[in-house]
PDB file of N, CA and C in Angstrom:
ATOM      1  N   ILE A   1      92.444 143.990 133.688  1.00  0.00           N
ATOM      2  CA  ILE A   1      91.491 143.319 134.538  1.00  0.00           C
ATOM      3  C   ILE A   1      92.233 142.589 135.562  1.00  0.00           C
ATOM      4  N   SER A   2      91.514 142.661 136.564  1.00  0.00           N
ATOM      5  CA  SER A   2      92.004 141.938 137.836  1.00  0.00           C
ATOM      6  C   SER A   2      92.508 140.079 137.799  1.00  0.00           C
ATOM      7  N   SER A   3      92.828 139.359 138.303  1.00  0.00           N
ATOM      8  CA  SER A   3      93.217 138.000 138.163  1.00  0.00           C
ATOM      9  C   SER A   3      91.970 137.489 138.968  1.00  0.00           C
ATOM     10  N   LYS A   4      90.737 138.038 139.633  1.00  0.00           N
ATOM     11  CA  LYS A   4      89.845 137.334 140.379  1.00  0.00           C
ATOM     12  C   LYS A   4      88.728 137.378 139.450  1.00  0.00           C
ATOM     13  N   ALA A   5      88.347 138.918 138.128  1.00  0.00           N
ATOM     14  CA  ALA A   5      87.768 138.475 137.274  1.00  0.00           C
ATOM     15  C   ALA A   5      88.230 138.064 136.296  1.00  0.00           C
ATOM     16  N   ARG A   6      89.129 137.883 135.807  1.00  0.00           N
ATOM     17  CA  ARG A   6      89.580 136.959 134.556  1.00  0.00           C
ATOM     18  C   ARG A   6      88.926 135.388 135.718  1.00  0.00           C
ATOM     19  N   GLY A   7      89.242 135.175 135.922  1.00  0.00           N
ATOM     20  CA  GLY A   7      88.686 134.018 136.904  1.00  0.00           C
ATOM     21  C   GLY A   7      87.690 133.872 136.671  1.00  0.00           C
ATOM     22  N   THR A   8      86.650 134.803 136.530  1.00  0.00           N
ATOM     23  CA  THR A   8      84.706 134.292 136.293  1.00  0.00           C
ATOM     24  C   THR A   8      84.715 133.992 134.889  1.00  0.00           C
ATOM     25  N   ILE A   9      85.572 134.166 133.876  1.00  0.00           N
ATOM     26  CA  ILE A   9      85.458 134.366 132.507  1.00  0.00           C
ATOM     27  C   ILE A   9      85.375 132.660 132.487  1.00  0.00           C
ATOM     28  N   HIS A  10      84.262 132.064 131.264  1.00  0.00           N
ATOM     29  CA  HIS A  10      84.107 130.869 130.877  1.00  0.00           C
ATOM     30  C   HIS A  10      84.156 131.186 129.342  1.00  0.00           C
ATOM     31  N   GLY A  11      84.912 130.568 128.970  1.00  0.00           N
ATOM     32  CA  GLY A  11      85.409 131.110 127.184  1.00  0.00           C
ATOM     33  C   GLY A  11      86.189 132.646 127.242  1.00  0.00           C
ATOM     34  N   THR A  12      85.088 133.322 126.482  1.00  0.00           N
ATOM     35  CA  THR A  12      85.625 134.683 126.116  1.00  0.00           C
ATOM     36  C   THR A  12      84.497 135.351 125.962  1.00  0.00           C
ATOM     37  N   ALA A  13      84.579 136.691 126.957  1.00  0.00           N
ATOM     38  CA  ALA A  13      84.193 137.856 127.248  1.00  0.00           C
ATOM     39  C   ALA A  13      84.595 138.932 126.002  1.00  0.00           C
ATOM     40  N   ARG A  14      83.606 139.319 125.031  1.00  0.00           N
ATOM     41  CA  ARG A  14      83.877 140.121 124.038  1.00  0.00           C
ATOM     42  C   ARG A  14      83.096 141.527 123.996  1.00  0.00           C
ATOM     43  N   VAL A  15      84.135 142.257 123.895  1.00  0.00           N
ATOM     44  CA  VAL A  15      83.563 143.955 124.059  1.00  0.00           C
ATOM     45  C   VAL A  15      83.702 144.318 123.072  1.00  0.00           C
ATOM     46  N   VAL A  16      82.755 145.194 122.531  1.00  0.00           N
ATOM     47  CA  VAL A  16      83.321 146.501 121.386  1.00  0.00           C
ATOM     48  C   VAL A  16      83.474 147.718 121.683  1.00  0.00           C
ATOM     49  N   VAL A  17      83.943 148.272 121.684  1.00  0.00           N
ATOM     50  CA  VAL A  17      84.065 150.022 122.080  1.00  0.00           C
ATOM     51  C   VAL A  17      84.115 150.729 120.807  1.00  0.00           C
ATOM     52  N   LYS A  18      83.124 151.416 120.470  1.00  0.00           N
ATOM     53  CA  LYS A  18      83.252 152.450 119.528  1.00  0.00           C
ATOM     54  C   LYS A  18      84.104 153.880 119.555  1.00  0.00           C
ATOM     55  N   VAL A  19      85.451 153.893 118.624  1.00  0.00           N
ATOM     56  CA  VAL A  19      86.295 155.037 119.200  1.00  0.00           C
ATOM     57  C   VAL A  19      86.007 156.200 118.129  1.00  0.00           C
ATOM     58  N   ARG A  20      85.431 157.487 118.479  1.00  0.00           N
ATOM     59  CA  ARG A  20      86.408 158.339 117.459  1.00  0.00           C
ATOM     60  C   ARG A  20      87.591 158.967 118.086  1.00  0.00           C
ATOM     61  N   VAL A  21      87.936 159.010 116.693  1.00  0.00           N
ATOM     62  CA  VAL A  21      89.468 159.593 116.868  1.00  0.00           C
ATOM     63  C   VAL A  21      89.964 161.259 115.938  1.00  0.00           C
ATOM     64  N   ASP A  22      90.339 161.923 116.594  1.00  0.00           N
ATOM     65  CA  ASP A  22      91.088 163.149 116.043  1.00  0.00           C
ATOM     66  C   ASP A  22      92.106 163.628 115.324  1.00  0.00           C
ATOM     67  N   LYS A  23      91.843 164.617 114.367  1.00  0.00           N
ATOM     68  CA  LYS A  23      93.016 164.535 113.282  1.00  0.00           C
ATOM     69  C   LYS A  23      94.266 164.118 113.371  1.00  0.00           C
ATOM     70  N   SER A  24      95.058 164.380 114.780  1.00  0.00           N
ATOM     71  CA  SER A  24      95.525 163.961 115.493  1.00  0.00           C
ATOM     72  C   SER A  24      96.186 163.004 115.696  1.00  0.00           C
ATOM     73  N   GLY A  25      95.495 162.078 115.756  1.00  0.00           N
ATOM     74  CA  GLY A  25      94.996 160.113 116.387  1.00  0.00           C
ATOM     75  C   GLY A  25      94.989 160.438 117.927  1.00  0.00           C
ATOM     76  N   ALA A  26      94.236 161.577 118.228  1.00  0.00           N
ATOM     77  CA  ALA A  26      94.367 161.511 119.921  1.00  0.00           C
ATOM     78  C   ALA A  26      92.819 160.860 119.718  1.00  0.00           C
ATOM     79  N   VAL A  27      92.539 159.748 120.815  1.00  0.00           N
ATOM     80  CA  VAL A  27      90.894 159.780 121.077  1.00  0.00           C
ATOM     81  C   VAL A  27      90.406 160.994 121.621  1.00  0.00           C
ATOM     82  N   SER A  28      89.153 160.994 120.624  1.00  0.00           N
ATOM     83  CA  SER A  28      87.838 161.814 121.026  1.00  0.00           C
ATOM     84  C   SER A  28      86.922 161.745 122.231  1.00  0.00           C
ATOM     85  N   SER A  29      86.694 160.529 121.778  1.00  0.00           N
ATOM     86  CA  SER A  29      85.401 159.587 122.968  1.00  0.00           C
ATOM     87  C   SER A  29      85.639 158.030 122.305  1.00  0.00           C
ATOM     88  N   ALA A  30      85.296 157.462 123.430  1.00  0.00           N
ATOM     89  CA  ALA A  30      85.131 155.696 123.415  1.00  0.00           C
ATOM     90  C   ALA A  30      83.901 155.395 123.900  1.00  0.00           C
ATOM     91  N   VAL A  31      83.144 154.812 123.724  1.00  0.00           N
ATOM     92  CA  VAL A  31      81.720 154.097 124.412  1.00  0.00           C
ATOM     93  C   VAL A  31      81.414 152.965 123.871  1.00  0.00           C
ATOM     94  N   PRO A  32      81.289 152.085 124.860  1.00  0.00           N
ATOM     95  CA  PRO A  32      80.935 150.831 124.679  1.00  0.00           C
ATOM     96  C   PRO A  32      79.956 150.477 123.136  1.00  0.00           C
ATOM     97  N   ALA A  33      79.871 149.876 122.113  1.00  0.00           N
ATOM     98  CA  ALA A  33      79.114 149.366 121.441  1.00  0.00           C
ATOM     99  C   ALA A  33      78.404 147.827 122.130  1.00  0.00           C
ATOM    100  N   SER A  34      79.040 146.819 122.732  1.00  0.00           N
ATOM    101  CA  SER A  34      78.222 146.137 123.093  1.00  0.00           C
ATOM    102  C   SER A  34      79.055 145.241 123.650  1.00  0.00           C
ATOM    103  N   SER A  35      79.045 144.803 124.741  1.00  0.00           N
ATOM    104  CA  SER A  35      79.362 144.153 125.776  1.00  0.00           C
ATOM    105  C   SER A  35      78.438 142.926 127.276  1.00  0.00           C
ATOM    106  N   PRO A  36      79.159 141.831 127.239  1.00  0.00           N
ATOM    107  CA  PRO A  36      78.578 141.245 127.853  1.00  0.00           C
ATOM    108  C   PRO A  36      78.436 141.718 129.981  1.00  0.00           C
ATOM    109  N   SER A  37      78.894 142.400 130.404  1.00  0.00           N
ATOM    110  CA  SER A  37      79.160 143.465 131.726  1.00  0.00           C
ATOM    111  C   SER A  37      79.879 144.865 131.726  1.00  0.00           C
ATOM    112  N   HIS A  38      79.679 145.072 132.572  1.00  0.00           N
ATOM    113  CA  HIS A  38      79.662 146.778 132.982  1.00  0.00           C
ATOM    114  C   HIS A  38      80.673 146.810 133.208  1.00  0.00           C
ATOM    115  N   TYR A  39      81.664 145.815 134.074  1.00  0.00           N
ATOM    116  CA  TYR A  39      82.908 145.433 134.443  1.00  0.00           C
ATOM    117  C   TYR A  39      84.110 145.788 133.295  1.00  0.00           C
ATOM    118  N   PHE A  40      83.357 144.634 131.894  1.00  0.00           N
ATOM    119  CA  PHE A  40      84.308 144.506 130.976  1.00  0.00           C
ATOM    120  C   PHE A  40      84.620 145.521 130.491  1.00  0.00           C
ATOM    121  N   SER A  41      83.103 146.442 130.130  1.00  0.00           N
ATOM    122  CA  SER A  41      83.094 147.735 129.130  1.00  0.00           C
ATOM    123  C   SER A  41      83.852 148.137 129.764  1.00  0.00           C
ATOM    124  N   ASP A  42      83.852 148.528 130.761  1.00  0.00           N
ATOM    125  CA  ASP A  42      84.624 149.474 131.854  1.00  0.00           C
ATOM    126  C   ASP A  42      85.708 149.390 130.771  1.00  0.00           C
ATOM    127  N   ALA A  43      86.188 148.930 131.657  1.00  0.00           N
ATOM    128  CA  ALA A  43      87.979 148.056 131.325  1.00  0.00           C
ATOM    129  C   ALA A  43      88.117 148.462 130.148  1.00  0.00           C
ATOM    130  N   ALA A  44      87.099 147.658 129.520  1.00  0.00           N
ATOM    131  CA  ALA A  44      87.899 148.529 127.651  1.00  0.00           C
ATOM    132  C   ALA A  44      87.493 149.565 127.042  1.00  0.00           C
ATOM    133  N   VAL A  45      86.907 150.207 127.867  1.00  0.00           N
ATOM    134  CA  VAL A  45      86.233 151.684 127.377  1.00  0.00           C
ATOM    135  C   VAL A  45      87.836 152.608 127.869  1.00  0.00           C
ATOM    136  N   LYS A  46      87.963 152.486 129.213  1.00  0.00           N
ATOM    137  CA  LYS A  46      89.192 153.018 129.668  1.00  0.00           C
ATOM    138  C   LYS A  46      90.540 152.400 128.828  1.00  0.00           C
ATOM    139  N   ALA A  47      90.902 151.572 128.572  1.00  0.00           N
ATOM    140  CA  ALA A  47      92.126 151.007 127.849  1.00  0.00           C
ATOM    141  C   ALA A  47      91.938 151.599 126.263  1.00  0.00           C
ATOM    142  N   ALA A  48      90.980 151.324 125.774  1.00  0.00           N
ATOM    143  CA  ALA A  48      91.046 152.143 124.284  1.00  0.00           C
ATOM    144  C   ALA A  48      90.905 153.592 124.798  1.00  0.00           C
ATOM    145  N   LYS A  49      90.569 154.375 125.654  1.00  0.00           N
ATOM    146  CA  LYS A  49      90.478 156.153 125.802  1.00  0.00           C
ATOM    147  C   LYS A  49      92.187 156.612 125.883  1.00  0.00           C
ATOM    148  N   GLN A  50      93.258 155.112 125.936  1.00  0.00           N
ATOM    149  CA  GLN A  50      94.578 155.195 126.761  1.00  0.00           C
ATOM    150  C   GLN A  50      95.584 155.642 125.498  1.00  0.00           C
ATOM    151  N   TRP A  51      95.072 155.043 124.254  1.00  0.00           N
ATOM    152  CA  TRP A  51      95.365 154.376 122.965  1.00  0.00           C
ATOM    153  C   TRP A  51      95.551 156.305 122.288  1.00  0.00           C
ATOM    154  N   ASP A  52      96.735 155.862 121.286  1.00  0.00           N
ATOM    155  CA  ASP A  52      96.724 156.552 120.301  1.00  0.00           C
ATOM    156  C   ASP A  52      97.153 155.908 119.098  1.00  0.00           C
ATOM    157  N   PHE A  53      96.393 156.808 117.588  1.00  0.00           N
ATOM    158  CA  PHE A  53      95.791 156.241 116.437  1.00  0.00           C
ATOM    159  C   PHE A  53      97.246 156.898 115.103  1.00  0.00           C
ATOM    160  N   THR A  54      97.244 156.252 114.429  1.00  0.00           N
ATOM    161  CA  THR A  54      97.720 156.763 113.194  1.00  0.00           C
ATOM    162  C   THR A  54      96.877 157.654 112.285  1.00  0.00           C
ATOM    163  N   PRO A  55      96.598 159.025 112.564  1.00  0.00           N
ATOM    164  CA  PRO A  55      96.187 159.835 112.063  1.00  0.00           C
ATOM    165  C   PRO A  55      95.609 159.167 110.346  1.00  0.00           C
ATOM    166  N   ALA A  56      94.107 159.082 110.202  1.00  0.00           N
ATOM    167  CA  ALA A  56      93.752 158.698 108.659  1.00  0.00           C
ATOM    168  C   ALA A  56      93.905 159.891 108.019  1.00  0.00           C
ATOM    169  N   LYS A  57      94.007 159.978 107.073  1.00  0.00           N
ATOM    170  CA  LYS A  57      94.709 161.059 105.469  1.00  0.00           C
ATOM    171  C   LYS A  57      93.277 160.915 104.621  1.00  0.00           C
ATOM    172  N   ILE A  58      92.658 162.167 104.115  1.00  0.00           N
ATOM    173  CA  ILE A  58      92.751 161.961 102.922  1.00  0.00           C
ATOM    174  C   ILE A  58      92.916 163.209 101.860  1.00  0.00           C
ATOM    175  N   SER A  59      93.520 163.095 100.546  1.00  0.00           N
ATOM    176  CA  SER A  59      94.426 163.278 100.036  1.00  0.00           C
ATOM    177  C   SER A  59      95.495 164.551 101.017  1.00  0.00           C
ATOM    178  N   GLY A  60      96.239 163.331 101.571  1.00  0.00           N
ATOM    179  CA  GLY A  60      97.497 163.631 102.299  1.00  0.00           C
ATOM    180  C   GLY A  60      97.159 164.325 103.472  1.00  0.00           C
ATOM    181  N   GLN A  61      96.186 165.194 104.051  1.00  0.00           N
ATOM    182  CA  GLN A  61      95.329 165.655 105.007  1.00  0.00           C
ATOM    183  C   GLN A  61      94.905 165.271 106.107  1.00  0.00           C
ATOM    184  N   PRO A  62      95.447 164.973 107.254  1.00  0.00           N
ATOM    185  CA  PRO A  62      94.895 164.426 108.505  1.00  0.00           C
ATOM    186  C   PRO A  62      93.322 164.682 108.559  1.00  0.00           C
ATOM    187  N   VAL A  63      92.581 163.313 109.201  1.00  0.00           N
ATOM    188  CA  VAL A  63      91.378 164.158 108.801  1.00  0.00           C
ATOM    189  C   VAL A  63      90.808 162.818 110.507  1.00  0.00           C
ATOM    190  N   PRO A  64      89.652 163.660 111.268  1.00  0.00           N
ATOM    191  CA  PRO A  64      89.203 162.566 111.886  1.00  0.00           C
ATOM    192  C   PRO A  64      88.529 161.304 111.392  1.00  0.00           C
ATOM    193  N   SER A  65      88.468 160.455 112.275  1.00  0.00           N
ATOM    194  CA  SER A  65      88.142 158.971 112.045  1.00  0.00           C
ATOM    195  C   SER A  65      87.300 157.930 113.022  1.00  0.00           C
ATOM    196  N   GLU A  66      86.917 157.216 112.672  1.00  0.00           N
ATOM    197  CA  GLU A  66      86.221 156.198 113.893  1.00  0.00           C
ATOM    198  C   GLU A  66      86.232 154.762 113.524  1.00  0.00           C
ATOM    199  N   TRP A  67      86.399 153.929 114.553  1.00  0.00           N
ATOM    200  CA  TRP A  67      87.589 152.666 114.680  1.00  0.00           C
ATOM    201  C   TRP A  67      86.331 151.745 115.818  1.00  0.00           C
ATOM    202  N   LEU A  68      86.367 150.987 115.452  1.00  0.00           N
ATOM    203  CA  LEU A  68      85.166 149.687 116.173  1.00  0.00           C
ATOM    204  C   LEU A  68      86.597 148.776 116.825  1.00  0.00           C
ATOM    205  N   VAL A  69      86.713 148.716 118.119  1.00  0.00           N
ATOM    206  CA  VAL A  69      88.155 148.617 118.983  1.00  0.00           C
ATOM    207  C   VAL A  69      87.245 146.764 119.724  1.00  0.00           C
ATOM    208  N   ARG A  70      87.550 145.410 119.432  1.00  0.00           N
ATOM    209  CA  ARG A  70      87.061 144.690 120.021  1.00  0.00           C
ATOM    210  C   ARG A  70      88.176 144.019 121.017  1.00  0.00           C
ATOM    211  N   PHE A  71      87.878 144.023 122.032  1.00  0.00           N
ATOM    212  CA  PHE A  71      88.388 143.393 123.682  1.00  0.00           C
ATOM    213  C   PHE A  71      87.986 141.880 123.404  1.00  0.00           C
ATOM    214  N   ASP A  72      88.771 140.846 123.223  1.00  0.00           N
ATOM    215  CA  ASP A  72      88.247 139.763 123.522  1.00  0.00           C
ATOM    216  C   ASP A  72      88.879 139.402 124.844  1.00  0.00           C
ATOM    217  N   PHE A  73      88.616 138.702 126.163  1.00  0.00           N
ATOM    218  CA  PHE A  73      88.644 138.862 127.038  1.00  0.00           C
ATOM    219  C   PHE A  73      88.554 137.076 128.000  1.00  0.00           C
ATOM    220  N   THR A  74      89.413 136.538 128.044  1.00  0.00           N
ATOM    221  CA  THR A  74      89.335 134.954 128.343  1.00  0.00           C
ATOM    222  C   THR A  74      90.128 134.817 130.110  1.00  0.00           C
ATOM    223  N   SER A  75      90.060 134.033 130.270  1.00  0.00           N
ATOM    224  CA  SER A  75      91.262 133.443 131.504  1.00  0.00           C
ATOM    225  C   SER A  75      92.057 133.597 131.538  1.00  0.00           C
ATOM    226  N   ALA A  76      92.759 133.334 130.144  1.00  0.00           N
ATOM    227  CA  ALA A  76      94.480 133.806 130.308  1.00  0.00           C
ATOM    228  C   ALA A  76      95.071 135.135 129.897  1.00  0.00           C
ATOM    229  N   ASP A  77      94.130 135.537 128.942  1.00  0.00           N
ATOM    230  CA  ASP A  77      95.304 136.644 128.361  1.00  0.00           C
ATOM    231  C   ASP A  77      93.755 137.564 127.815  1.00  0.00           C
ATOM    232  N   THR A  78      94.395 138.556 126.984  1.00  0.00           N
ATOM    233  CA  THR A  78      93.349 139.741 126.436  1.00  0.00           C
ATOM    234  C   THR A  78      94.081 140.096 124.814  1.00  0.00           C
ATOM    235  N   LYS A  79      92.853 139.794 123.860  1.00  0.00           N
ATOM    236  CA  LYS A  79      93.206 140.141 122.832  1.00  0.00           C
ATOM    237  C   LYS A  79      92.776 141.398 122.307  1.00  0.00           C
ATOM    238  N   VAL A  80      93.243 142.221 121.563  1.00  0.00           N
ATOM    239  CA  VAL A  80      92.515 143.485 120.813  1.00  0.00           C
ATOM    240  C   VAL A  80      92.641 143.704 119.057  1.00  0.00           C
ATOM    241  N   LEU A  81      91.240 144.083 118.868  1.00  0.00           N
ATOM    242  CA  LEU A  81      91.380 143.697 117.559  1.00  0.00           C
ATOM    243  C   LEU A  81      90.727 144.931 116.701  1.00  0.00           C
ATOM    244  N   PRO A  82      91.307 146.183 116.671  1.00  0.00           N
ATOM    245  CA  PRO A  82      90.949 146.882 115.937  1.00  0.00           C
ATOM    246  C   PRO A  82      90.734 147.210 114.177  1.00  0.00           C
ATOM    247  N   SER A  83      89.720 147.794 114.014  1.00  0.00           N
ATOM    248  CA  SER A  83      89.041 148.081 112.661  1.00  0.00           C
ATOM    249  C   SER A  83      88.799 149.257 112.635  1.00  0.00           C
ATOM    250  N   GLN A  84      89.264 149.575 111.413  1.00  0.00           N
ATOM    251  CA  GLN A  84      88.636 151.223 111.176  1.00  0.00           C
ATOM    252  C   GLN A  84      87.283 151.278 110.151  1.00  0.00           C
ATOM    253  N   THR A  85      86.114 152.007 110.710  1.00  0.00           N
ATOM    254  CA  THR A  85      85.189 152.298 110.225  1.00  0.00           C
ATOM    255  C   THR A  85      84.645 153.261 109.268  1.00  0.00           C
ATOM    256  N   LYS A  86      85.693 154.758 109.900  1.00  0.00           N
ATOM    257  CA  LYS A  86      85.423 156.413 108.998  1.00  0.00           C
ATOM    258  C   LYS A  86      86.872 156.569 109.026  1.00  0.00           C
ATOM    259  N   PRO A  87      87.247 157.106 108.087  1.00  0.00           N
ATOM    260  CA  PRO A  87      86.521 157.440 106.577  1.00  0.00           C
ATOM    261  C   PRO A  87      87.111 155.864 106.074  1.00  0.00           C
TER     262      PRO A  87
END
């Protein structure tokens, strides 16, 4: 995000993105699950769509998965915390 946008943050701007991942580990969709602003939501979704995930496996076979990826934007940096929700 731009330094100008970072300058508007007081505390933490937290955005959660719901990400669907295909069996190869590529992102098939990413949508905001919660966000304090449209700008930070768009930035988080754009970033999440560029990720590659390690494919989830069931019985040794790759399967699609779902994740919640939390972006914590502060005036100094951005922290990202992914959490697999399915399978």
